[in-house]
Amino acid sequence: MGEDNRRPTGDDSLEVVEIETESVDDEGNLVIDDLLVAVDGKGKIVATDETVAVFTSEGDAVVDEKLSVTGDDGNLQTVEEDISVIEADE
């Protein structure tokens, strides 16, 4: 069986993976989801930083950024969340 070079190597370094998706919701808003994931050398997720931005056709925007880290129980726990609402000038 061959070695999978895309996985962490077992050392103490962190690998950061970014996943970005774009879609249009039922109301016609553009939704962009940008997720950064930090993975340790054993392949476990240790932190995430997710930014979701929703842009309306009127020019309004809602940006939700959430930072989470792995807690003692092994589950991700939100440590900071910032929601910004930006209304277009009329």
PDB file of N, CA and C in Angstrom:
ATOM      1  N   MET A   1       0.847  -1.176   0.000  1.00  0.00           N
ATOM      2  CA  MET A   1       0.000   0.000   0.000  1.00  0.00           C
ATOM      3  C   MET A   1       0.887   1.230   0.000  1.00  0.00           C
ATOM      4  N   GLY A   2       0.556   2.219  -0.832  1.00  0.00           N
ATOM      5  CA  GLY A   2       1.359   3.433  -0.949  1.00  0.00           C
ATOM      6  C   GLY A   2       1.096   4.414   0.173  1.00  0.00           C
ATOM      7  N   GLU A   3       2.041   5.345   0.339  1.00  0.00           N
ATOM      8  CA  GLU A   3       1.911   6.369   1.369  1.00  0.00           C
ATOM      9  C   GLU A   3       1.037   7.512   0.870  1.00  0.00           C
ATOM     10  N   ASP A   4       0.160   8.025   1.731  1.00  0.00           N
ATOM     11  CA  ASP A   4      -0.700   9.156   1.389  1.00  0.00           C
ATOM     12  C   ASP A   4      -0.004  10.430   1.852  1.00  0.00           C
ATOM     13  N   ASN A   5       0.571  11.193   0.934  1.00  0.00           N
ATOM     14  CA  ASN A   5       1.341  12.387   1.275  1.00  0.00           C
ATOM     15  C   ASN A   5       0.465  13.580   1.625  1.00  0.00           C
ATOM     16  N   ARG A   6      -0.851  13.468   1.463  1.00  0.00           N
ATOM     17  CA  ARG A   6      -1.726  14.585   1.766  1.00  0.00           C
ATOM     18  C   ARG A   6      -2.049  14.661   3.247  1.00  0.00           C
ATOM     19  N   ARG A   7      -1.765  13.657   4.004  1.00  0.00           N
ATOM     20  CA  ARG A   7      -2.065  13.643   5.434  1.00  0.00           C
ATOM     21  C   ARG A   7      -0.857  14.141   6.226  1.00  0.00           C
ATOM     22  N   PRO A   8      -1.096  14.649   7.443  1.00  0.00           N
ATOM     23  CA  PRO A   8       0.022  15.077   8.282  1.00  0.00           C
ATOM     24  C   PRO A   8       0.989  13.924   8.540  1.00  0.00           C
ATOM     25  N   THR A   9       2.241  14.260   8.835  1.00  0.00           N
ATOM     26  CA  THR A   9       3.296  13.255   8.921  1.00  0.00           C
ATOM     27  C   THR A   9       3.504  12.674  10.309  1.00  0.00           C
ATOM     28  N   GLY A  10       2.764  13.102  11.327  1.00  0.00           N
ATOM     29  CA  GLY A  10       2.937  12.564  12.667  1.00  0.00           C
ATOM     30  C   GLY A  10       3.830  13.422  13.539  1.00  0.00           C
ATOM     31  N   ASP A  11       4.403  14.506  13.012  1.00  0.00           N
ATOM     32  CA  ASP A  11       5.219  15.391  13.844  1.00  0.00           C
ATOM     33  C   ASP A  11       4.329  16.426  14.530  1.00  0.00           C
ATOM     34  N   ASP A  12       4.939  17.382  15.217  1.00  0.00           N
ATOM     35  CA  ASP A  12       4.189  18.371  15.982  1.00  0.00           C
ATOM     36  C   ASP A  12       3.737  19.578  15.158  1.00  0.00           C
ATOM     37  N   SER A  13       4.042  19.601  13.877  1.00  0.00           N
ATOM     38  CA  SER A  13       3.665  20.750  13.063  1.00  0.00           C
ATOM     39  C   SER A  13       2.176  20.703  12.728  1.00  0.00           C
ATOM     40  N   LEU A  14       1.647  21.873  12.398  1.00  0.00           N
ATOM     41  CA  LEU A  14       0.249  21.975  12.001  1.00  0.00           C
ATOM     42  C   LEU A  14       0.164  22.177  10.497  1.00  0.00           C
ATOM     43  N   GLU A  15      -0.847  21.583   9.904  1.00  0.00           N
ATOM     44  CA  GLU A  15      -1.132  21.794   8.497  1.00  0.00           C
ATOM     45  C   GLU A  15      -2.429  22.585   8.425  1.00  0.00           C
ATOM     46  N   VAL A  16      -2.467  23.620   7.593  1.00  0.00           N
ATOM     47  CA  VAL A  16      -3.665  24.440   7.450  1.00  0.00           C
ATOM     48  C   VAL A  16      -4.286  24.147   6.088  1.00  0.00           C
ATOM     49  N   VAL A  17      -5.583  23.847   6.115  1.00  0.00           N
ATOM     50  CA  VAL A  17      -6.331  23.548   4.905  1.00  0.00           C
ATOM     51  C   VAL A  17      -7.422  24.606   4.775  1.00  0.00           C
ATOM     52  N   GLU A  18      -7.616  25.137   3.568  1.00  0.00           N
ATOM     53  CA  GLU A  18      -8.650  26.135   3.322  1.00  0.00           C
ATOM     54  C   GLU A  18      -9.662  25.588   2.328  1.00  0.00           C
ATOM     55  N   ILE A  19     -10.944  25.754   2.669  1.00  0.00           N
ATOM     56  CA  ILE A  19     -12.028  25.321   1.805  1.00  0.00           C
ATOM     57  C   ILE A  19     -12.951  26.527   1.607  1.00  0.00           C
ATOM     58  N   GLU A  20     -13.169  26.911   0.350  1.00  0.00           N
ATOM     59  CA  GLU A  20     -14.041  28.050   0.066  1.00  0.00           C
ATOM     60  C   GLU A  20     -15.141  27.607  -0.887  1.00  0.00           C
ATOM     61  N   THR A  21     -16.387  27.947  -0.531  1.00  0.00           N
ATOM     62  CA  THR A  21     -17.513  27.626  -1.400  1.00  0.00           C
ATOM     63  C   THR A  21     -18.326  28.886  -1.654  1.00  0.00           C
ATOM     64  N   GLU A  22     -18.942  28.932  -2.825  1.00  0.00           N
ATOM     65  CA  GLU A  22     -19.834  30.028  -3.188  1.00  0.00           C
ATOM     66  C   GLU A  22     -21.142  29.424  -3.670  1.00  0.00           C
ATOM     67  N   SER A  23     -22.259  30.040  -3.281  1.00  0.00           N
ATOM     68  CA  SER A  23     -23.562  29.576  -3.735  1.00  0.00           C
ATOM     69  C   SER A  23     -24.543  30.739  -3.715  1.00  0.00           C
ATOM     70  N   VAL A  24     -25.702  30.510  -4.273  1.00  0.00           N
ATOM     71  CA  VAL A  24     -26.789  31.487  -4.253  1.00  0.00           C
ATOM     72  C   VAL A  24     -27.944  30.830  -3.509  1.00  0.00           C
ATOM     73  N   ASP A  25     -28.463  31.531  -2.473  1.00  0.00           N
ATOM     74  CA  ASP A  25     -29.545  30.959  -1.682  1.00  0.00           C
ATOM     75  C   ASP A  25     -30.900  31.185  -2.356  1.00  0.00           C
ATOM     76  N   ASP A  26     -31.976  30.728  -1.706  1.00  0.00           N
ATOM     77  CA  ASP A  26     -33.326  30.806  -2.277  1.00  0.00           C
ATOM     78  C   ASP A  26     -33.790  32.235  -2.533  1.00  0.00           C
ATOM     79  N   GLU A  27     -33.241  33.212  -1.785  1.00  0.00           N
ATOM     80  CA  GLU A  27     -33.619  34.618  -1.981  1.00  0.00           C
ATOM     81  C   GLU A  27     -32.757  35.316  -3.022  1.00  0.00           C
ATOM     82  N   GLY A  28     -31.820  34.615  -3.621  1.00  0.00           N
ATOM     83  CA  GLY A  28     -30.939  35.213  -4.626  1.00  0.00           C
ATOM     84  C   GLY A  28     -29.702  35.878  -4.048  1.00  0.00           C
ATOM     85  N   ASN A  29     -29.422  35.672  -2.751  1.00  0.00           N
ATOM     86  CA  ASN A  29     -28.237  36.243  -2.118  1.00  0.00           C
ATOM     87  C   ASN A  29     -27.009  35.390  -2.426  1.00  0.00           C
ATOM     88  N   LEU A  30     -25.875  36.039  -2.599  1.00  0.00           N
ATOM     89  CA  LEU A  30     -24.613  35.336  -2.778  1.00  0.00           C
ATOM     90  C   LEU A  30     -24.063  34.970  -1.404  1.00  0.00           C
ATOM     91  N   VAL A  31     -23.746  33.703  -1.207  1.00  0.00           N
ATOM     92  CA  VAL A  31     -23.231  33.217   0.070  1.00  0.00           C
ATOM     93  C   VAL A  31     -21.836  32.648  -0.162  1.00  0.00           C
ATOM     94  N   ILE A  32     -20.856  33.209   0.546  1.00  0.00           N
ATOM     95  CA  ILE A  32     -19.474  32.731   0.454  1.00  0.00           C
ATOM     96  C   ILE A  32     -19.081  32.178   1.825  1.00  0.00           C
ATOM     97  N   ASP A  33     -18.616  30.939   1.847  1.00  0.00           N
ATOM     98  CA  ASP A  33     -18.187  30.280   3.079  1.00  0.00           C
ATOM     99  C   ASP A  33     -16.707  29.945   2.939  1.00  0.00           C
ATOM    100  N   ASP A  34     -15.883  30.554   3.789  1.00  0.00           N
ATOM    101  CA  ASP A  34     -14.433  30.334   3.770  1.00  0.00           C
ATOM    102  C   ASP A  34     -14.047  29.684   5.089  1.00  0.00           C
ATOM    103  N   LEU A  35     -13.554  28.449   5.031  1.00  0.00           N
ATOM    104  CA  LEU A  35     -13.217  27.678   6.220  1.00  0.00           C
ATOM    105  C   LEU A  35     -11.730  27.354   6.221  1.00  0.00           C
ATOM    106  N   LEU A  36     -11.030  27.744   7.304  1.00  0.00           N
ATOM    107  CA  LEU A  36      -9.642  27.368   7.525  1.00  0.00           C
ATOM    108  C   LEU A  36      -9.622  26.344   8.647  1.00  0.00           C
ATOM    109  N   VAL A  37      -8.904  25.243   8.445  1.00  0.00           N
ATOM    110  CA  VAL A  37      -8.833  24.173   9.429  1.00  0.00           C
ATOM    111  C   VAL A  37      -7.369  23.898   9.737  1.00  0.00           C
ATOM    112  N   ALA A  38      -7.017  23.882  11.033  1.00  0.00           N
ATOM    113  CA  ALA A  38      -5.664  23.516  11.456  1.00  0.00           C
ATOM    114  C   ALA A  38      -5.708  22.067  11.932  1.00  0.00           C
ATOM    115  N   VAL A  39      -4.828  21.241  11.345  1.00  0.00           N
ATOM    116  CA  VAL A  39      -4.782  19.806  11.645  1.00  0.00           C
ATOM    117  C   VAL A  39      -3.411  19.492  12.229  1.00  0.00           C
ATOM    118  N   ASP A  40      -3.395  18.725  13.337  1.00  0.00           N
ATOM    119  CA  ASP A  40      -2.106  18.377  13.946  1.00  0.00           C
ATOM    120  C   ASP A  40      -1.452  17.203  13.213  1.00  0.00           C
ATOM    121  N   GLY A  41      -0.295  16.804  13.682  1.00  0.00           N
ATOM    122  CA  GLY A  41       0.485  15.741  13.058  1.00  0.00           C
ATOM    123  C   GLY A  41      -0.179  14.382  13.090  1.00  0.00           C
ATOM    124  N   LYS A  42      -1.197  14.220  13.928  1.00  0.00           N
ATOM    125  CA  LYS A  42      -1.925  12.941  14.004  1.00  0.00           C
ATOM    126  C   LYS A  42      -3.199  12.968  13.175  1.00  0.00           C
ATOM    127  N   GLY A  43      -3.457  14.087  12.486  1.00  0.00           N
ATOM    128  CA  GLY A  43      -4.629  14.195  11.639  1.00  0.00           C
ATOM    129  C   GLY A  43      -5.870  14.682  12.345  1.00  0.00           C
ATOM    130  N   LYS A  44      -5.744  15.167  13.568  1.00  0.00           N
ATOM    131  CA  LYS A  44      -6.901  15.665  14.315  1.00  0.00           C
ATOM    132  C   LYS A  44      -7.030  17.172  14.130  1.00  0.00           C
ATOM    133  N   ILE A  45      -8.281  17.637  14.003  1.00  0.00           N
ATOM    134  CA  ILE A  45      -8.544  19.063  13.889  1.00  0.00           C
ATOM    135  C   ILE A  45      -8.323  19.714  15.246  1.00  0.00           C
ATOM    136  N   VAL A  46      -7.506  20.777  15.282  1.00  0.00           N
ATOM    137  CA  VAL A  46      -7.243  21.475  16.544  1.00  0.00           C
ATOM    138  C   VAL A  46      -7.877  22.858  16.580  1.00  0.00           C
ATOM    139  N   ALA A  47      -8.203  23.429  15.412  1.00  0.00           N
ATOM    140  CA  ALA A  47      -8.841  24.748  15.380  1.00  0.00           C
ATOM    141  C   ALA A  47      -9.468  24.974  14.014  1.00  0.00           C
ATOM    142  N   THR A  48     -10.503  25.817  14.008  1.00  0.00           N
ATOM    143  CA  THR A  48     -11.119  26.229  12.747  1.00  0.00           C
ATOM    144  C   THR A  48     -11.391  27.728  12.797  1.00  0.00           C
ATOM    145  N   ASP A  49     -11.363  28.346  11.640  1.00  0.00           N
ATOM    146  CA  ASP A  49     -11.719  29.748  11.495  1.00  0.00           C
ATOM    147  C   ASP A  49     -12.648  29.815  10.290  1.00  0.00           C
ATOM    148  N   GLU A  50     -13.938  30.083  10.536  1.00  0.00           N
ATOM    149  CA  GLU A  50     -14.914  30.085   9.453  1.00  0.00           C
ATOM    150  C   GLU A  50     -15.511  31.473   9.292  1.00  0.00           C
ATOM    151  N   THR A  51     -15.518  31.940   8.055  1.00  0.00           N
ATOM    152  CA  THR A  51     -16.143  33.214   7.725  1.00  0.00           C
ATOM    153  C   THR A  51     -17.234  32.950   6.694  1.00  0.00           C
ATOM    154  N   VAL A  52     -18.459  33.338   7.046  1.00  0.00           N
ATOM    155  CA  VAL A  52     -19.592  33.218   6.131  1.00  0.00           C
ATOM    156  C   VAL A  52     -20.053  34.634   5.807  1.00  0.00           C
ATOM    157  N   ALA A  53     -20.080  34.962   4.525  1.00  0.00           N
ATOM    158  CA  ALA A  53     -20.522  36.283   4.084  1.00  0.00           C
ATOM    159  C   ALA A  53     -21.724  36.115   3.170  1.00  0.00           C
ATOM    160  N   VAL A  54     -22.773  36.905   3.437  1.00  0.00           N
ATOM    161  CA  VAL A  54     -23.988  36.889   2.625  1.00  0.00           C
ATOM    162  C   VAL A  54     -24.160  38.283   2.040  1.00  0.00           C
ATOM    163  N   PHE A  55     -24.225  38.366   0.704  1.00  0.00           N
ATOM    164  CA  PHE A  55     -24.383  39.633  -0.001  1.00  0.00           C
ATOM    165  C   PHE A  55     -25.731  39.639  -0.704  1.00  0.00           C
ATOM    166  N   THR A  56     -26.545  40.665  -0.424  1.00  0.00           N
ATOM    167  CA  THR A  56     -27.868  40.764  -1.042  1.00  0.00           C
ATOM    168  C   THR A  56     -27.792  41.578  -2.326  1.00  0.00           C
ATOM    169  N   SER A  57     -28.857  41.501  -3.119  1.00  0.00           N
ATOM    170  CA  SER A  57     -28.907  42.270  -4.374  1.00  0.00           C
ATOM    171  C   SER A  57     -29.031  43.764  -4.107  1.00  0.00           C
ATOM    172  N   GLU A  58     -29.471  44.142  -2.890  1.00  0.00           N
ATOM    173  CA  GLU A  58     -29.565  45.556  -2.524  1.00  0.00           C
ATOM    174  C   GLU A  58     -28.218  46.126  -2.087  1.00  0.00           C
ATOM    175  N   GLY A  59     -27.205  45.284  -1.970  1.00  0.00           N
ATOM    176  CA  GLY A  59     -25.880  45.737  -1.562  1.00  0.00           C
ATOM    177  C   GLY A  59     -25.589  45.574  -0.084  1.00  0.00           C
ATOM    178  N   ASP A  60     -26.546  45.013   0.675  1.00  0.00           N
ATOM    179  CA  ASP A  60     -26.301  44.743   2.099  1.00  0.00           C
ATOM    180  C   ASP A  60     -25.413  43.512   2.245  1.00  0.00           C
ATOM    181  N   ALA A  61     -24.734  43.418   3.389  1.00  0.00           N
ATOM    182  CA  ALA A  61     -23.885  42.258   3.647  1.00  0.00           C
ATOM    183  C   ALA A  61     -23.944  41.896   5.123  1.00  0.00           C
ATOM    184  N   VAL A  62     -23.896  40.592   5.393  1.00  0.00           N
ATOM    185  CA  VAL A  62     -23.773  40.074   6.753  1.00  0.00           C
ATOM    186  C   VAL A  62     -22.555  39.164   6.749  1.00  0.00           C
ATOM    187  N   VAL A  63     -21.606  39.442   7.652  1.00  0.00           N
ATOM    188  CA  VAL A  63     -20.388  38.651   7.737  1.00  0.00           C
ATOM    189  C   VAL A  63     -20.314  38.063   9.136  1.00  0.00           C
ATOM    190  N   ASP A  64     -20.217  36.732   9.210  1.00  0.00           N
ATOM    191  CA  ASP A  64     -20.131  36.007  10.479  1.00  0.00           C
ATOM    192  C   ASP A  64     -18.797  35.278  10.513  1.00  0.00           C
ATOM    193  N   GLU A  65     -17.930  35.658  11.462  1.00  0.00           N
ATOM    194  CA  GLU A  65     -16.645  34.975  11.613  1.00  0.00           C
ATOM    195  C   GLU A  65     -16.624  34.268  12.955  1.00  0.00           C
ATOM    196  N   LYS A  66     -16.284  32.975  12.917  1.00  0.00           N
ATOM    197  CA  LYS A  66     -16.295  32.163  14.127  1.00  0.00           C
ATOM    198  C   LYS A  66     -14.971  31.413  14.249  1.00  0.00           C
ATOM    199  N   LEU A  67     -14.288  31.581  15.397  1.00  0.00           N
ATOM    200  CA  LEU A  67     -13.044  30.885  15.681  1.00  0.00           C
ATOM    201  C   LEU A  67     -13.322  29.827  16.738  1.00  0.00           C
ATOM    202  N   SER A  68     -12.952  28.592  16.443  1.00  0.00           N
ATOM    203  CA  SER A  68     -13.179  27.485  17.378  1.00  0.00           C
ATOM    204  C   SER A  68     -11.879  26.720  17.591  1.00  0.00           C
ATOM    205  N   VAL A  69     -11.719  26.155  18.790  1.00  0.00           N
ATOM    206  CA  VAL A  69     -10.572  25.310  19.113  1.00  0.00           C
ATOM    207  C   VAL A  69     -11.080  24.023  19.749  1.00  0.00           C
ATOM    208  N   THR A  70     -10.240  23.000  19.714  1.00  0.00           N
ATOM    209  CA  THR A  70     -10.608  21.728  20.323  1.00  0.00           C
ATOM    210  C   THR A  70     -10.484  21.839  21.833  1.00  0.00           C
ATOM    211  N   GLY A  71     -11.553  21.482  22.534  1.00  0.00           N
ATOM    212  CA  GLY A  71     -11.569  21.520  23.997  1.00  0.00           C
ATOM    213  C   GLY A  71     -11.037  20.233  24.597  1.00  0.00           C
ATOM    214  N   ASP A  72     -11.028  20.167  25.914  1.00  0.00           N
ATOM    215  CA  ASP A  72     -10.548  18.986  26.626  1.00  0.00           C
ATOM    216  C   ASP A  72     -11.368  17.744  26.287  1.00  0.00           C
ATOM    217  N   ASP A  73     -12.633  17.941  25.907  1.00  0.00           N
ATOM    218  CA  ASP A  73     -13.493  16.811  25.563  1.00  0.00           C
ATOM    219  C   ASP A  73     -13.304  16.334  24.118  1.00  0.00           C
ATOM    220  N   GLY A  74     -12.416  17.007  23.368  1.00  0.00           N
ATOM    221  CA  GLY A  74     -12.149  16.618  21.992  1.00  0.00           C
ATOM    222  C   GLY A  74     -13.072  17.248  20.973  1.00  0.00           C
ATOM    223  N   ASN A  75     -14.060  18.021  21.415  1.00  0.00           N
ATOM    224  CA  ASN A  75     -15.001  18.678  20.506  1.00  0.00           C
ATOM    225  C   ASN A  75     -14.596  20.127  20.275  1.00  0.00           C
ATOM    226  N   LEU A  76     -14.958  20.646  19.103  1.00  0.00           N
ATOM    227  CA  LEU A  76     -14.688  22.051  18.817  1.00  0.00           C
ATOM    228  C   LEU A  76     -15.585  22.942  19.661  1.00  0.00           C
ATOM    229  N   GLN A  77     -14.985  23.986  20.234  1.00  0.00           N
ATOM    230  CA  GLN A  77     -15.720  24.940  21.047  1.00  0.00           C
ATOM    231  C   GLN A  77     -15.435  26.349  20.523  1.00  0.00           C
ATOM    232  N   THR A  78     -16.488  27.118  20.301  1.00  0.00           N
ATOM    233  CA  THR A  78     -16.329  28.488  19.804  1.00  0.00           C
ATOM    234  C   THR A  78     -15.699  29.345  20.890  1.00  0.00           C
ATOM    235  N   VAL A  79     -14.614  30.033  20.542  1.00  0.00           N
ATOM    236  CA  VAL A  79     -13.952  30.922  21.502  1.00  0.00           C
ATOM    237  C   VAL A  79     -14.183  32.393  21.153  1.00  0.00           C
ATOM    238  N   GLU A  80     -14.574  32.649  19.905  1.00  0.00           N
ATOM    239  CA  GLU A  80     -14.850  34.032  19.510  1.00  0.00           C
ATOM    240  C   GLU A  80     -15.770  34.022  18.292  1.00  0.00           C
ATOM    241  N   GLU A  81     -16.760  34.902  18.310  1.00  0.00           N
ATOM    242  CA  GLU A  81     -17.645  35.052  17.156  1.00  0.00           C
ATOM    243  C   GLU A  81     -17.933  36.531  16.970  1.00  0.00           C
ATOM    244  N   ASP A  82     -17.818  36.981  15.729  1.00  0.00           N
ATOM    245  CA  ASP A  82     -18.054  38.378  15.400  1.00  0.00           C
ATOM    246  C   ASP A  82     -18.999  38.431  14.209  1.00  0.00           C
ATOM    247  N   ILE A  83     -20.148  39.066  14.394  1.00  0.00           N
ATOM    248  CA  ILE A  83     -21.119  39.215  13.317  1.00  0.00           C
ATOM    249  C   ILE A  83     -21.216  40.696  12.963  1.00  0.00           C
ATOM    250  N   SER A  84     -20.987  41.008  11.680  1.00  0.00           N
ATOM    251  CA  SER A  84     -21.058  42.384  11.191  1.00  0.00           C
ATOM    252  C   SER A  84     -22.182  42.494  10.186  1.00  0.00           C
ATOM    253  N   VAL A  85     -22.990  43.534  10.316  1.00  0.00           N
ATOM    254  CA  VAL A  85     -24.058  43.808   9.368  1.00  0.00           C
ATOM    255  C   VAL A  85     -23.733  45.139   8.693  1.00  0.00           C
ATOM    256  N   ILE A  86     -23.629  45.106   7.378  1.00  0.00           N
ATOM    257  CA  ILE A  86     -23.272  46.296   6.626  1.00  0.00           C
ATOM    258  C   ILE A  86     -24.416  46.595   5.673  1.00  0.00           C
ATOM    259  N   GLU A  87     -25.066  47.739   5.864  1.00  0.00           N
ATOM    260  CA  GLU A  87     -26.184  48.133   5.014  1.00  0.00           C
ATOM    261  C   GLU A  87     -25.693  49.065   3.931  1.00  0.00           C
ATOM    262  N   ALA A  88     -26.206  48.863   2.727  1.00  0.00           N
ATOM    263  CA  ALA A  88     -25.830  49.704   1.591  1.00  0.00           C
ATOM    264  C   ALA A  88     -26.383  51.109   1.789  1.00  0.00           C
ATOM    265  N   ASP A  89     -25.634  52.101   1.345  1.00  0.00           N
ATOM    266  CA  ASP A  89     -26.105  53.482   1.402  1.00  0.00           C
ATOM    267  C   ASP A  89     -27.232  53.660   0.387  1.00  0.00           C
ATOM    268  N   GLU A  90     -28.257  54.409   0.782  1.00  0.00           N
ATOM    269  CA  GLU A  90     -29.385  54.624  -0.134  1.00  0.00           C
ATOM    270  C   GLU A  90     -29.205  55.877  -0.929  1.00  0.00           C
TER     271      GLU A  90
END
